[in-house]
C-alpha atoms as a PDB file:
ATOM      1  CA  UNK A   1     125.991 -82.085 -70.588  1.00  0.00           C
ATOM      2  CA  UNK A   2     123.438 -79.370 -71.796  1.00  0.00           C
ATOM      3  CA  UNK A   3     121.914 -80.171 -74.937  1.00  0.00           C
ATOM      4  CA  UNK A   4     122.345 -77.913 -77.794  1.00  0.00           C
ATOM      5  CA  UNK A   5     120.065 -76.470 -80.316  1.00  0.00           C
ATOM      6  CA  UNK A   6     120.335 -76.912 -83.782  1.00  0.00           C
ATOM      7  CA  UNK A   7     121.330 -73.388 -85.322  1.00  0.00           C
ATOM      8  CA  UNK A   8     117.503 -71.778 -86.554  1.00  0.00           C
ATOM      9  CA  UNK A   9     115.211 -73.803 -84.135  1.00  0.00           C
ATOM     10  CA  UNK A  10     113.672 -72.833 -80.795  1.00  0.00           C
ATOM     11  CA  UNK A  11     114.440 -75.607 -78.515  1.00  0.00           C
ATOM     12  CA  UNK A  12     112.131 -76.226 -75.262  1.00  0.00           C
ATOM     13  CA  UNK A  13     112.759 -78.163 -72.331  1.00  0.00           C
ATOM     14  CA  UNK A  14     109.205 -80.414 -71.729  1.00  0.00           C
ATOM     15  CA  UNK A  15     108.950 -78.848 -68.121  1.00  0.00           C
ATOM     16  CA  UNK A  16     109.238 -75.373 -69.352  1.00  0.00           C
ATOM     17  CA  UNK A  17     106.641 -76.642 -71.947  1.00  0.00           C
ATOM     18  CA  UNK A  18     104.762 -77.918 -69.340  1.00  0.00           C
ATOM     19  CA  UNK A  19     104.771 -74.812 -66.951  1.00  0.00           C
ATOM     20  CA  UNK A  20     103.403 -72.796 -69.972  1.00  0.00           C
ATOM     21  CA  UNK A  21     101.007 -74.686 -70.616  1.00  0.00           C
ATOM     22  CA  UNK A  22      99.094 -74.401 -66.978  1.00  0.00           C
ATOM     23  CA  UNK A  23      99.944 -71.039 -67.001  1.00  0.00           C
ATOM     24  CA  UNK A  24      98.209 -69.939 -70.765  1.00  0.00           C
ATOM     25  CA  UNK A  25      95.154 -72.715 -69.443  1.00  0.00           C
ATOM     26  CA  UNK A  26      95.092 -70.956 -66.261  1.00  0.00           C
ATOM     27  CA  UNK A  27      94.715 -67.183 -67.627  1.00  0.00           C
ATOM     28  CA  UNK A  28      92.572 -68.429 -69.778  1.00  0.00           C
ATOM     29  CA  UNK A  29      90.096 -70.024 -67.579  1.00  0.00           C
ATOM     30  CA  UNK A  30      89.920 -66.829 -65.291  1.00  0.00           C
ATOM     31  CA  UNK A  31      89.213 -64.515 -68.521  1.00  0.00           C
ATOM     32  CA  UNK A  32      86.241 -66.904 -69.131  1.00  0.00           C
ATOM     33  CA  UNK A  33      84.755 -66.383 -65.547  1.00  0.00           C
ATOM     34  CA  UNK A  34      85.393 -62.594 -65.403  1.00  0.00           C
ATOM     35  CA  UNK A  35      83.439 -62.748 -68.583  1.00  0.00           C
ATOM     36  CA  UNK A  36      80.355 -64.783 -67.532  1.00  0.00           C
ATOM     37  CA  UNK A  37      79.483 -63.163 -64.228  1.00  0.00           C
ATOM     38  CA  UNK A  38      76.603 -60.834 -63.542  1.00  0.00           C
ATOM     39  CA  UNK A  39      77.631 -57.505 -63.349  1.00  0.00           C
ATOM     40  CA  UNK A  40      76.666 -55.875 -60.015  1.00  0.00           C
ATOM     41  CA  UNK A  41      76.209 -52.183 -59.582  1.00  0.00           C
ATOM     42  CA  UNK A  42      76.011 -50.214 -56.326  1.00  0.00           C
ATOM     43  CA  UNK A  43      71.765 -49.372 -54.784  1.00  0.00           C
ATOM     44  CA  UNK A  44      71.532 -46.111 -55.741  1.00  0.00           C
ATOM     45  CA  UNK A  45      70.384 -44.500 -52.532  1.00  0.00           C
ATOM     46  CA  UNK A  46      67.607 -42.195 -52.896  1.00  0.00           C
ATOM     47  CA  UNK A  47      67.622 -39.616 -50.556  1.00  0.00           C
ATOM     48  CA  UNK A  48      63.664 -38.265 -49.820  1.00  0.00           C
ATOM     49  CA  UNK A  49      63.321 -35.026 -48.044  1.00  0.00           C
ATOM     50  CA  UNK A  50      60.992 -35.019 -45.364  1.00  0.00           C
ATOM     51  CA  UNK A  51      58.398 -32.483 -46.332  1.00  0.00           C
ATOM     52  CA  UNK A  52      57.597 -29.606 -43.208  1.00  0.00           C
ATOM     53  CA  UNK A  53      54.378 -29.852 -41.113  1.00  0.00           C
ATOM     54  CA  UNK A  54      52.159 -27.413 -42.592  1.00  0.00           C
ATOM     55  CA  UNK A  55      50.490 -25.359 -40.147  1.00  0.00           C
ATOM     56  CA  UNK A  56      46.816 -26.621 -40.830  1.00  0.00           C
ATOM     57  CA  UNK A  57      44.579 -27.286 -37.930  1.00  0.00           C
ATOM     58  CA  UNK A  58      43.822 -30.419 -37.338  1.00  0.00           C
ATOM     59  CA  UNK A  59      40.918 -30.580 -34.770  1.00  0.00           C
ATOM     60  CA  UNK A  60      41.772 -32.959 -32.066  1.00  0.00           C
ATOM     61  CA  UNK A  61      37.614 -33.863 -30.996  1.00  0.00           C
ATOM     62  CA  UNK A  62      34.287 -33.488 -32.406  1.00  0.00           C
ATOM     63  CA  UNK A  63      32.255 -30.115 -31.833  1.00  0.00           C
ATOM     64  CA  UNK A  64      28.972 -31.076 -33.411  1.00  0.00           C
ATOM     65  CA  UNK A  65      26.940 -31.177 -30.045  1.00  0.00           C
ATOM     66  CA  UNK A  66      23.468 -30.980 -32.014  1.00  0.00           C
ATOM     67  CA  UNK A  67      24.134 -34.242 -33.967  1.00  0.00           C
ATOM     68  CA  UNK A  68      26.461 -36.198 -31.567  1.00  0.00           C
ATOM     69  CA  UNK A  69      25.386 -37.457 -28.114  1.00  0.00           C
ATOM     70  CA  UNK A  70      28.763 -37.836 -27.094  1.00  0.00           C
ATOM     71  CA  UNK A  71      29.931 -34.302 -27.738  1.00  0.00           C
ATOM     72  CA  UNK A  72      29.312 -32.219 -24.100  1.00  0.00           C
ATOM     73  CA  UNK A  73      27.243 -29.426 -24.482  1.00  0.00           C
ATOM     74  CA  UNK A  74      30.088 -26.674 -24.496  1.00  0.00           C
ATOM     75  CA  UNK A  75      30.097 -23.549 -26.760  1.00  0.00           C
ATOM     76  CA  UNK A  76      32.951 -22.327 -28.841  1.00  0.00           C
ATOM     77  CA  UNK A  77      32.874 -18.150 -27.122  1.00  0.00           C
ATOM     78  CA  UNK A  78      33.288 -17.393 -31.105  1.00  0.00           C
ATOM     79  CA  UNK A  79      36.831 -19.155 -32.513  1.00  0.00           C
ATOM     80  CA  UNK A  80      35.910 -20.799 -35.919  1.00  0.00           C
ATOM     81  CA  UNK A  81      36.884 -24.647 -36.208  1.00  0.00           C
ATOM     82  CA  UNK A  82      37.860 -25.303 -39.562  1.00  0.00           C
ATOM     83  CA  UNK A  83      35.755 -27.139 -41.661  1.00  0.00           C
ATOM     84  CA  UNK A  84      36.105 -30.949 -41.511  1.00  0.00           C
ATOM     85  CA  UNK A  85      36.959 -32.469 -44.819  1.00  0.00           C
ATOM     86  CA  UNK A  86      38.180 -35.605 -46.205  1.00  0.00           C
ATOM     87  CA  UNK A  87      41.169 -33.973 -47.839  1.00  0.00           C
ATOM     88  CA  UNK A  88      44.747 -35.338 -46.757  1.00  0.00           C
ATOM     89  CA  UNK A  89      46.043 -33.446 -43.988  1.00  0.00           C
ATOM     90  CA  UNK A  90      48.666 -35.459 -42.888  1.00  0.00           C
ATOM     91  CA  UNK A  91      51.728 -33.499 -41.718  1.00  0.00           C
ATOM     92  CA  UNK A  92      49.330 -30.841 -39.812  1.00  0.00           C
ATOM     93  CA  UNK A  93      49.765 -29.832 -35.939  1.00  0.00           C
ATOM     94  CA  UNK A  94      47.334 -31.077 -33.814  1.00  0.00           C
ATOM     95  CA  UNK A  95      45.670 -27.944 -31.722  1.00  0.00           C
ATOM     96  CA  UNK A  96      43.206 -28.049 -28.875  1.00  0.00           C
ATOM     97  CA  UNK A  97      45.311 -30.908 -27.028  1.00  0.00           C
ATOM     98  CA  UNK A  98      44.801 -30.769 -23.216  1.00  0.00           C
ATOM     99  CA  UNK A  99      47.670 -30.599 -21.256  1.00  0.00           C
ATOM    100  CA  UNK A 100      46.382 -33.146 -18.486  1.00  0.00           C
ATOM    101  CA  UNK A 101      45.282 -36.008 -20.061  1.00  0.00           C
ATOM    102  CA  UNK A 102      41.696 -36.971 -19.317  1.00  0.00           C
ATOM    103  CA  UNK A 103      40.036 -40.379 -18.205  1.00  0.00           C
ATOM    104  CA  UNK A 104      37.879 -41.581 -21.164  1.00  0.00           C
ATOM    105  CA  UNK A 105      35.584 -40.036 -23.768  1.00  0.00           C
ATOM    106  CA  UNK A 106      31.791 -39.452 -22.557  1.00  0.00           C
ATOM    107  CA  UNK A 107      30.058 -42.098 -22.405  1.00  0.00           C
ATOM    108  CA  UNK A 108      26.241 -43.142 -21.182  1.00  0.00           C
ATOM    109  CA  UNK A 109      26.776 -44.312 -17.346  1.00  0.00           C
ATOM    110  CA  UNK A 110      23.318 -44.283 -15.956  1.00  0.00           C
ATOM    111  CA  UNK A 111      19.877 -42.997 -16.068  1.00  0.00           C
ATOM    112  CA  UNK A 112      18.288 -40.036 -14.726  1.00  0.00           C
ATOM    113  CA  UNK A 113      14.200 -40.497 -13.276  1.00  0.00           C
ATOM    114  CA  UNK A 114      12.103 -37.804 -12.005  1.00  0.00           C
ATOM    115  CA  UNK A 115      12.196 -37.235  -8.018  1.00  0.00           C
ATOM    116  CA  UNK A 116       8.500 -37.737  -6.366  1.00  0.00           C
ATOM    117  CA  UNK A 117       6.919 -38.018  -9.946  1.00  0.00           C
ATOM    118  CA  UNK A 118       4.580 -40.550 -11.159  1.00  0.00           C
ATOM    119  CA  UNK A 119       5.370 -39.926 -14.629  1.00  0.00           C
ATOM    120  CA  UNK A 120       7.235 -43.301 -15.975  1.00  0.00           C
ATOM    121  CA  UNK A 121       8.043 -42.466 -19.340  1.00  0.00           C
ATOM    122  CA  UNK A 122      10.333 -39.484 -18.588  1.00  0.00           C
ATOM    123  CA  UNK A 123      14.025 -41.200 -18.161  1.00  0.00           C
ATOM    124  CA  UNK A 124      17.281 -39.290 -19.231  1.00  0.00           C
ATOM    125  CA  UNK A 125      20.227 -40.442 -20.658  1.00  0.00           C
ATOM    126  CA  UNK A 126      23.249 -39.215 -17.767  1.00  0.00           C
ATOM    127  CA  UNK A 127      25.990 -39.084 -20.117  1.00  0.00           C
ATOM    128  CA  UNK A 128      29.715 -38.691 -17.608  1.00  0.00           C
ATOM    129  CA  UNK A 129      34.016 -38.949 -18.325  1.00  0.00           C
ATOM    130  CA  UNK A 130      35.922 -39.060 -15.647  1.00  0.00           C
ATOM    131  CA  UNK A 131      37.775 -35.652 -15.614  1.00  0.00           C
ATOM    132  CA  UNK A 132      41.469 -36.678 -14.943  1.00  0.00           C
ATOM    133  CA  UNK A 133      42.823 -39.687 -14.005  1.00  0.00           C
ATOM    134  CA  UNK A 134      43.771 -39.481 -10.159  1.00  0.00           C
ATOM    135  CA  UNK A 135      41.150 -37.565  -9.146  1.00  0.00           C
ATOM    136  CA  UNK A 136      37.599 -38.291  -8.470  1.00  0.00           C
ATOM    137  CA  UNK A 137      35.586 -35.661 -10.010  1.00  0.00           C
ATOM    138  CA  UNK A 138      33.734 -36.310 -13.182  1.00  0.00           C
ATOM    139  CA  UNK A 139      31.785 -34.230 -15.684  1.00  0.00           C
ATOM    140  CA  UNK A 140      28.173 -34.908 -16.620  1.00  0.00           C
ATOM    141  CA  UNK A 141      25.321 -33.753 -18.634  1.00  0.00           C
ATOM    142  CA  UNK A 142      21.758 -35.346 -20.015  1.00  0.00           C
ATOM    143  CA  UNK A 143      19.675 -35.054 -22.677  1.00  0.00           C
ATOM    144  CA  UNK A 144      16.401 -33.639 -23.307  1.00  0.00           C
ATOM    145  CA  UNK A 145      13.584 -36.059 -23.281  1.00  0.00           C
ATOM    146  CA  UNK A 146      10.134 -34.845 -25.347  1.00  0.00           C
ATOM    147  CA  UNK A 147       8.582 -32.945 -28.146  1.00  0.00           C
ATOM    148  CA  UNK A 148      10.339 -29.857 -29.750  1.00  0.00           C
ATOM    149  CA  UNK A 149      13.665 -30.876 -27.730  1.00  0.00           C
ATOM    150  CA  UNK A 150      15.597 -32.543 -30.292  1.00  0.00           C
ATOM    151  CA  UNK A 151      18.966 -33.269 -29.126  1.00  0.00           C
ATOM    152  CA  UNK A 152      18.884 -30.888 -26.511  1.00  0.00           C
ATOM    153  CA  UNK A 153      21.695 -31.366 -24.009  1.00  0.00           C
ATOM    154  CA  UNK A 154      21.157 -30.385 -20.427  1.00  0.00           C
ATOM    155  CA  UNK A 155      23.804 -28.857 -17.217  1.00  0.00           C
ATOM    156  CA  UNK A 156      23.735 -31.701 -14.396  1.00  0.00           C
ATOM    157  CA  UNK A 157      24.435 -30.229 -11.140  1.00  0.00           C
ATOM    158  CA  UNK A 158      25.327 -32.029  -8.133  1.00  0.00           C
ATOM    159  CA  UNK A 159      24.726 -30.114  -4.566  1.00  0.00           C
ATOM    160  CA  UNK A 160      24.633 -26.614  -5.891  1.00  0.00           C
ATOM    161  CA  UNK A 161      27.824 -27.478  -8.435  1.00  0.00           C
ATOM    162  CA  UNK A 162      28.139 -27.496 -11.850  1.00  0.00           C
ATOM    163  CA  UNK A 163      28.929 -30.955 -13.305  1.00  0.00           C
ATOM    164  CA  UNK A 164      29.057 -29.375 -16.780  1.00  0.00           C
ATOM    165  CA  UNK A 165      32.242 -27.359 -15.786  1.00  0.00           C
ATOM    166  CA  UNK A 166      35.755 -27.106 -16.446  1.00  0.00           C
ATOM    167  CA  UNK A 167      36.686 -28.500 -12.860  1.00  0.00           C
ATOM    168  CA  UNK A 168      33.489 -30.987 -12.784  1.00  0.00           C
ATOM    169  CA  UNK A 169      31.739 -32.799  -9.753  1.00  0.00           C
ATOM    170  CA  UNK A 170      31.958 -34.842  -6.909  1.00  0.00           C
ATOM    171  CA  UNK A 171      30.912 -38.447  -8.920  1.00  0.00           C
ATOM    172  CA  UNK A 172      27.675 -39.529  -8.819  1.00  0.00           C
ATOM    173  CA  UNK A 173      26.605 -42.685  -7.311  1.00  0.00           C
ATOM    174  CA  UNK A 174      23.454 -44.987  -7.617  1.00  0.00           C
ATOM    175  CA  UNK A 175      20.775 -42.891  -5.745  1.00  0.00           C
ATOM    176  CA  UNK A 176      22.077 -39.530  -5.607  1.00  0.00           C
ATOM    177  CA  UNK A 177      20.060 -36.820  -6.421  1.00  0.00           C
ATOM    178  CA  UNK A 178      20.881 -34.177  -9.132  1.00  0.00           C
ATOM    179  CA  UNK A 179      19.273 -31.297 -10.787  1.00  0.00           C
ATOM    180  CA  UNK A 180      18.840 -30.796 -14.423  1.00  0.00           C
ATOM    181  CA  UNK A 181      18.659 -27.162 -15.775  1.00  0.00           C
ATOM    182  CA  UNK A 182      15.468 -27.119 -18.069  1.00  0.00           C
ATOM    183  CA  UNK A 183      13.301 -29.288 -15.807  1.00  0.00           C
ATOM    184  CA  UNK A 184      13.642 -27.217 -12.767  1.00  0.00           C
ATOM    185  CA  UNK A 185      13.904 -30.245 -10.521  1.00  0.00           C
ATOM    186  CA  UNK A 186      15.565 -33.036  -9.177  1.00  0.00           C
ATOM    187  CA  UNK A 187      16.421 -36.268 -10.490  1.00  0.00           C
ATOM    188  CA  UNK A 188      17.466 -39.878  -8.670  1.00  0.00           C
ATOM    189  CA  UNK A 189      20.658 -41.420 -10.860  1.00  0.00           C
ATOM    190  CA  UNK A 190      20.669 -44.898 -11.486  1.00  0.00           C
ATOM    191  CA  UNK A 191      24.026 -45.299 -12.610  1.00  0.00           C
ATOM    192  CA  UNK A 192      25.125 -48.750 -14.370  1.00  0.00           C
ATOM    193  CA  UNK A 193      27.438 -51.648 -13.256  1.00  0.00           C
ATOM    194  CA  UNK A 194      30.970 -51.229 -14.513  1.00  0.00           C
ATOM    195  CA  UNK A 195      32.117 -53.671 -16.940  1.00  0.00           C
ATOM    196  CA  UNK A 196      34.146 -56.116 -16.143  1.00  0.00           C
ATOM    197  CA  UNK A 197      37.924 -56.698 -16.645  1.00  0.00           C
ATOM    198  CA  UNK A 198      39.126 -59.129 -18.737  1.00  0.00           C
ATOM    199  CA  UNK A 199      42.389 -60.220 -20.910  1.00  0.00           C
ATOM    200  CA  UNK A 200      43.234 -62.328 -23.678  1.00  0.00           C
ATOM    201  CA  UNK A 201      45.507 -65.581 -21.974  1.00  0.00           C
ATOM    202  CA  UNK A 202      47.276 -66.472 -25.015  1.00  0.00           C
ATOM    203  CA  UNK A 203      49.628 -63.081 -24.850  1.00  0.00           C
END
């Protein structure tokens, strides 16, 4: 038989009171946890526009053939090179890029001594570079040795062909004779040995 409540009094069964207490406790727990959570914001994504490259010419090779012994004796044909500066020119467009890659930069590859001469003091450096990869053509020049010839760079010819020009000449071997403009005489070439190949075994 069902229990009856006295009029004016609210009657709650034990089971109903238990379920109500659990529900209130669960709601209080959820509210407490949500208040103590750290507030997370979505990261702001900044879109930085890429600056357009300025049309400032960046020289790709040094042209100071007077002070730099590794710059060949080439004239500029009247065009002006931009002044070298320490300003930041990032974004500039490179100019004067060769269409075919050269094998290497100029380096001293040997010496020249006068042919049939007793003057042992005149030794000229032979500067050269391989013209193109895949071809056995080289470009050469030398530098004057003597008073009043400060850094004068002199063209070298082999077999009547200039070795300073765009197409270069055949490879100069040890003992070959070459002609040096300015001295109006022939010289004998002594070529340095090739450097040994090496590697790092731990890579």
